[in-house]
């Protein structure tokens, strides 16, 4: 039988070596969520010919 509890400190060390750099990176550079997590709507339109911004605002 394998005694997993014998190696508990090794498991904690491996977990810390993975979690600490990840948490540091999250604090240092932040989380930049995509448009689906920021709310709002993104609308992209294509026109057959060039349309000026003023013409769109008047419409």
PDB file of N, CA and C in Angstrom:
ATOM      1  N   UNK A   1       0.845  -1.175   0.000  1.00  0.00           N
ATOM      2  CA  UNK A   1       0.000   0.000   0.000  1.00  0.00           C
ATOM      3  C   UNK A   1       0.895   1.245   0.000  1.00  0.00           C
ATOM      4  N   UNK A   2       0.514   2.223  -0.797  1.00  0.00           N
ATOM      5  CA  UNK A   2       1.273   3.470  -0.884  1.00  0.00           C
ATOM      6  C   UNK A   2       0.773   4.435   0.180  1.00  0.00           C
ATOM      7  N   UNK A   3       1.696   4.979   0.956  1.00  0.00           N
ATOM      8  CA  UNK A   3       1.320   5.938   2.000  1.00  0.00           C
ATOM      9  C   UNK A   3       1.432   7.350   1.423  1.00  0.00           C
ATOM     10  N   UNK A   4       0.312   7.865   0.928  1.00  0.00           N
ATOM     11  CA  UNK A   4       0.303   9.195   0.329  1.00  0.00           C
ATOM     12  C   UNK A   4       0.565  10.281   1.365  1.00  0.00           C
ATOM     13  N   UNK A   5       0.154  10.044   2.595  1.00  0.00           N
ATOM     14  CA  UNK A   5       0.352  11.052   3.635  1.00  0.00           C
ATOM     15  C   UNK A   5       1.829  11.248   3.965  1.00  0.00           C
ATOM     16  N   UNK A   6       2.656  10.305   3.603  1.00  0.00           N
ATOM     17  CA  UNK A   6       4.099  10.434   3.834  1.00  0.00           C
ATOM     18  C   UNK A   6       4.680  11.566   2.982  1.00  0.00           C
ATOM     19  N   UNK A   7       4.093  11.812   1.836  1.00  0.00           N
ATOM     20  CA  UNK A   7       4.609  12.805   0.890  1.00  0.00           C
ATOM     21  C   UNK A   7       3.783  14.088   0.864  1.00  0.00           C
ATOM     22  N   UNK A   8       3.034  14.357   1.921  1.00  0.00           N
ATOM     23  CA  UNK A   8       2.128  15.509   1.920  1.00  0.00           C
ATOM     24  C   UNK A   8       2.873  16.827   1.722  1.00  0.00           C
ATOM     25  N   UNK A   9       4.057  16.977   2.296  1.00  0.00           N
ATOM     26  CA  UNK A   9       4.815  18.222   2.141  1.00  0.00           C
ATOM     27  C   UNK A   9       5.299  18.396   0.710  1.00  0.00           C
ATOM     28  N   UNK A  10       5.594  17.308   0.042  1.00  0.00           N
ATOM     29  CA  UNK A  10       5.975  17.389  -1.368  1.00  0.00           C
ATOM     30  C   UNK A  10       4.792  17.883  -2.202  1.00  0.00           C
ATOM     31  N   UNK A  11       3.609  17.398  -1.897  1.00  0.00           N
ATOM     32  CA  UNK A  11       2.418  17.828  -2.627  1.00  0.00           C
ATOM     33  C   UNK A  11       2.119  19.305  -2.379  1.00  0.00           C
ATOM     34  N   UNK A  12       2.301  19.749  -1.133  1.00  0.00           N
ATOM     35  CA  UNK A  12       2.118  21.170  -0.837  1.00  0.00           C
ATOM     36  C   UNK A  12       3.142  22.020  -1.579  1.00  0.00           C
ATOM     37  N   UNK A  13       4.366  21.554  -1.658  1.00  0.00           N
ATOM     38  CA  UNK A  13       5.418  22.289  -2.359  1.00  0.00           C
ATOM     39  C   UNK A  13       5.107  22.400  -3.849  1.00  0.00           C
ATOM     40  N   UNK A  14       4.692  21.309  -4.449  1.00  0.00           N
ATOM     41  CA  UNK A  14       4.347  21.333  -5.879  1.00  0.00           C
ATOM     42  C   UNK A  14       3.164  22.277  -6.121  1.00  0.00           C
ATOM     43  N   UNK A  15       2.164  22.232  -5.262  1.00  0.00           N
ATOM     44  CA  UNK A  15       1.010  23.131  -5.400  1.00  0.00           C
ATOM     45  C   UNK A  15       1.429  24.585  -5.275  1.00  0.00           C
ATOM     46  N   UNK A  16       2.297  24.880  -4.310  1.00  0.00           N
ATOM     47  CA  UNK A  16       2.756  26.258  -4.114  1.00  0.00           C
ATOM     48  C   UNK A  16       3.575  26.732  -5.301  1.00  0.00           C
ATOM     49  N   UNK A  17       4.398  25.850  -5.874  1.00  0.00           N
ATOM     50  CA  UNK A  17       5.213  26.230  -7.030  1.00  0.00           C
ATOM     51  C   UNK A  17       4.359  26.543  -8.254  1.00  0.00           C
ATOM     52  N   UNK A  18       3.161  26.033  -8.303  1.00  0.00           N
ATOM     53  CA  UNK A  18       2.250  26.333  -9.407  1.00  0.00           C
ATOM     54  C   UNK A  18       1.386  27.554  -9.086  1.00  0.00           C
ATOM     55  N   UNK A  19       0.867  27.627  -7.867  1.00  0.00           N
ATOM     56  CA  UNK A  19      -0.077  28.684  -7.511  1.00  0.00           C
ATOM     57  C   UNK A  19       0.567  30.048  -7.308  1.00  0.00           C
ATOM     58  N   UNK A  20       1.711  30.104  -6.664  1.00  0.00           N
ATOM     59  CA  UNK A  20       2.322  31.398  -6.343  1.00  0.00           C
ATOM     60  C   UNK A  20       2.677  32.189  -7.599  1.00  0.00           C
ATOM     61  N   UNK A  21       3.345  31.611  -8.606  1.00  0.00           N
ATOM     62  CA  UNK A  21       3.601  32.409  -9.821  1.00  0.00           C
ATOM     63  C   UNK A  21       2.318  32.835 -10.539  1.00  0.00           C
ATOM     64  N   UNK A  22       1.310  31.979 -10.518  1.00  0.00           N
ATOM     65  CA  UNK A  22       0.039  32.333 -11.142  1.00  0.00           C
ATOM     66  C   UNK A  22      -0.642  33.493 -10.444  1.00  0.00           C
ATOM     67  N   UNK A  23      -0.635  33.489  -9.123  1.00  0.00           N
ATOM     68  CA  UNK A  23      -1.239  34.594  -8.374  1.00  0.00           C
ATOM     69  C   UNK A  23      -0.426  35.871  -8.546  1.00  0.00           C
ATOM     70  N   UNK A  24       0.901  35.753  -8.591  1.00  0.00           N
ATOM     71  CA  UNK A  24       1.742  36.924  -8.830  1.00  0.00           C
ATOM     72  C   UNK A  24       1.430  37.538 -10.193  1.00  0.00           C
ATOM     73  N   UNK A  25       1.330  36.708 -11.218  1.00  0.00           N
ATOM     74  CA  UNK A  25       1.029  37.208 -12.560  1.00  0.00           C
ATOM     75  C   UNK A  25      -0.348  37.863 -12.607  1.00  0.00           C
ATOM     76  N   UNK A  26      -1.307  37.303 -11.906  1.00  0.00           N
ATOM     77  CA  UNK A  26      -2.653  37.880 -11.877  1.00  0.00           C
ATOM     78  C   UNK A  26      -2.647  39.246 -11.215  1.00  0.00           C
ATOM     79  N   UNK A  27      -1.892  39.399 -10.127  1.00  0.00           N
ATOM     80  CA  UNK A  27      -1.812  40.692  -9.442  1.00  0.00           C
ATOM     81  C   UNK A  27      -0.996  41.677 -10.263  1.00  0.00           C
ATOM     82  N   UNK A  28       0.105  41.216 -10.842  1.00  0.00           N
ATOM     83  CA  UNK A  28       1.027  42.105 -11.562  1.00  0.00           C
ATOM     84  C   UNK A  28       0.419  42.627 -12.864  1.00  0.00           C
ATOM     85  N   UNK A  29      -0.117  41.737 -13.685  1.00  0.00           N
ATOM     86  CA  UNK A  29      -0.619  42.143 -14.998  1.00  0.00           C
ATOM     87  C   UNK A  29      -2.135  42.189 -15.071  1.00  0.00           C
ATOM     88  N   UNK A  30      -2.834  41.708 -14.098  1.00  0.00           N
ATOM     89  CA  UNK A  30      -4.290  41.784 -14.071  1.00  0.00           C
ATOM     90  C   UNK A  30      -4.951  40.802 -15.017  1.00  0.00           C
ATOM     91  N   UNK A  31      -6.248  40.798 -14.936  1.00  0.00           N
ATOM     92  CA  UNK A  31      -7.055  39.924 -15.771  1.00  0.00           C
ATOM     93  C   UNK A  31      -7.723  40.784 -16.835  1.00  0.00           C
ATOM     94  N   UNK A  32      -7.508  40.460 -18.086  1.00  0.00           N
ATOM     95  CA  UNK A  32      -8.090  41.219 -19.184  1.00  0.00           C
ATOM     96  C   UNK A  32      -9.191  40.368 -19.828  1.00  0.00           C
ATOM     97  N   UNK A  33     -10.420  40.490 -19.335  1.00  0.00           N
ATOM     98  CA  UNK A  33     -11.491  39.669 -19.873  1.00  0.00           C
ATOM     99  C   UNK A  33     -11.865  40.082 -21.299  1.00  0.00           C
ATOM    100  N   UNK A  34     -12.350  39.146 -22.042  1.00  0.00           N
ATOM    101  CA  UNK A  34     -12.775  39.396 -23.415  1.00  0.00           C
ATOM    102  C   UNK A  34     -14.129  40.103 -23.418  1.00  0.00           C
ATOM    103  N   UNK A  35     -14.618  40.446 -24.577  1.00  0.00           N
ATOM    104  CA  UNK A  35     -15.865  41.198 -24.717  1.00  0.00           C
ATOM    105  C   UNK A  35     -17.048  40.431 -24.117  1.00  0.00           C
ATOM    106  N   UNK A  36     -17.004  39.107 -24.144  1.00  0.00           N
ATOM    107  CA  UNK A  36     -18.125  38.344 -23.604  1.00  0.00           C
ATOM    108  C   UNK A  36     -18.200  38.409 -22.086  1.00  0.00           C
ATOM    109  N   UNK A  37     -17.143  38.870 -21.413  1.00  0.00           N
ATOM    110  CA  UNK A  37     -17.171  39.008 -19.966  1.00  0.00           C
ATOM    111  C   UNK A  37     -17.211  40.459 -19.507  1.00  0.00           C
ATOM    112  N   UNK A  38     -17.099  41.421 -20.415  1.00  0.00           N
ATOM    113  CA  UNK A  38     -17.085  42.821 -20.014  1.00  0.00           C
ATOM    114  C   UNK A  38     -18.452  43.472 -20.122  1.00  0.00           C
ATOM    115  N   UNK A  39     -19.387  42.842 -20.747  1.00  0.00           N
ATOM    116  CA  UNK A  39     -20.708  43.429 -20.911  1.00  0.00           C
ATOM    117  C   UNK A  39     -20.738  44.329 -22.132  1.00  0.00           C
ATOM    118  N   UNK A  40     -21.903  44.760 -22.508  1.00  0.00           N
ATOM    119  CA  UNK A  40     -22.020  45.616 -23.681  1.00  0.00           C
ATOM    120  C   UNK A  40     -22.149  44.784 -24.945  1.00  0.00           C
ATOM    121  N   UNK A  41     -22.173  45.493 -26.054  1.00  0.00           N
ATOM    122  CA  UNK A  41     -22.355  44.850 -27.339  1.00  0.00           C
ATOM    123  C   UNK A  41     -21.343  45.380 -28.324  1.00  0.00           C
ATOM    124  N   UNK A  42     -20.829  44.513 -29.133  1.00  0.00           N
ATOM    125  CA  UNK A  42     -19.921  44.897 -30.201  1.00  0.00           C
ATOM    126  C   UNK A  42     -20.656  44.649 -31.512  1.00  0.00           C
ATOM    127  N   UNK A  43     -20.760  45.699 -32.329  1.00  0.00           N
ATOM    128  CA  UNK A  43     -21.482  45.603 -33.583  1.00  0.00           C
ATOM    129  C   UNK A  43     -20.549  46.006 -34.705  1.00  0.00           C
ATOM    130  N   UNK A  44     -20.332  45.107 -35.648  1.00  0.00           N
ATOM    131  CA  UNK A  44     -19.478  45.397 -36.793  1.00  0.00           C
ATOM    132  C   UNK A  44     -20.343  45.394 -38.050  1.00  0.00           C
ATOM    133  N   UNK A  45     -20.232  46.479 -38.819  1.00  0.00           N
ATOM    134  CA  UNK A  45     -21.023  46.614 -40.042  1.00  0.00           C
ATOM    135  C   UNK A  45     -20.104  46.737 -41.238  1.00  0.00           C
ATOM    136  N   UNK A  46     -20.548  46.213 -42.371  1.00  0.00           N
ATOM    137  CA  UNK A  46     -19.839  46.380 -43.631  1.00  0.00           C
ATOM    138  C   UNK A  46     -20.816  46.988 -44.632  1.00  0.00           C
ATOM    139  N   UNK A  47     -20.339  47.999 -45.339  1.00  0.00           N
ATOM    140  CA  UNK A  47     -21.160  48.658 -46.346  1.00  0.00           C
ATOM    141  C   UNK A  47     -20.590  48.372 -47.728  1.00  0.00           C
ATOM    142  N   UNK A  48     -21.457  48.397 -48.732  1.00  0.00           N
ATOM    143  CA  UNK A  48     -21.018  48.151 -50.100  1.00  0.00           C
ATOM    144  C   UNK A  48     -20.113  49.275 -50.593  1.00  0.00           C
ATOM    145  N   UNK A  49     -20.373  50.498 -50.148  1.00  0.00           N
ATOM    146  CA  UNK A  49     -19.529  51.633 -50.529  1.00  0.00           C
ATOM    147  C   UNK A  49     -19.077  52.348 -49.262  1.00  0.00           C
ATOM    148  N   UNK A  50     -18.096  53.235 -49.405  1.00  0.00           N
ATOM    149  CA  UNK A  50     -17.596  53.983 -48.256  1.00  0.00           C
ATOM    150  C   UNK A  50     -18.669  54.927 -47.724  1.00  0.00           C
ATOM    151  N   UNK A  51     -18.837  54.922 -46.424  1.00  0.00           N
ATOM    152  CA  UNK A  51     -19.820  55.777 -45.767  1.00  0.00           C
ATOM    153  C   UNK A  51     -19.082  56.590 -44.715  1.00  0.00           C
ATOM    154  N   UNK A  52     -19.354  57.899 -44.692  1.00  0.00           N
ATOM    155  CA  UNK A  52     -18.679  58.758 -43.719  1.00  0.00           C
ATOM    156  C   UNK A  52     -19.360  58.653 -42.355  1.00  0.00           C
ATOM    157  N   UNK A  53     -18.616  58.998 -41.317  1.00  0.00           N
ATOM    158  CA  UNK A  53     -19.168  58.980 -39.968  1.00  0.00           C
ATOM    159  C   UNK A  53     -20.307  59.966 -39.811  1.00  0.00           C
ATOM    160  N   UNK A  54     -20.218  61.115 -40.492  1.00  0.00           N
ATOM    161  CA  UNK A  54     -21.269  62.129 -40.406  1.00  0.00           C
ATOM    162  C   UNK A  54     -22.576  61.604 -41.001  1.00  0.00           C
ATOM    163  N   UNK A  55     -22.488  60.857 -42.088  1.00  0.00           N
ATOM    164  CA  UNK A  55     -23.691  60.309 -42.710  1.00  0.00           C
ATOM    165  C   UNK A  55     -24.361  59.291 -41.783  1.00  0.00           C
ATOM    166  N   UNK A  56     -23.564  58.542 -41.065  1.00  0.00           N
ATOM    167  CA  UNK A  56     -24.129  57.565 -40.132  1.00  0.00           C
ATOM    168  C   UNK A  56     -24.795  58.276 -38.959  1.00  0.00           C
ATOM    169  N   UNK A  57     -24.163  59.338 -38.449  1.00  0.00           N
ATOM    170  CA  UNK A  57     -24.735  60.075 -37.324  1.00  0.00           C
ATOM    171  C   UNK A  57     -26.044  60.756 -37.704  1.00  0.00           C
ATOM    172  N   UNK A  58     -26.177  61.192 -38.949  1.00  0.00           N
ATOM    173  CA  UNK A  58     -27.401  61.853 -39.399  1.00  0.00           C
ATOM    174  C   UNK A  58     -28.541  60.866 -39.622  1.00  0.00           C
ATOM    175  N   UNK A  59     -28.232  59.632 -39.851  1.00  0.00           N
ATOM    176  CA  UNK A  59     -29.257  58.634 -40.174  1.00  0.00           C
ATOM    177  C   UNK A  59     -30.122  58.299 -38.994  1.00  0.00           C
TER     178      UNK A  59
END
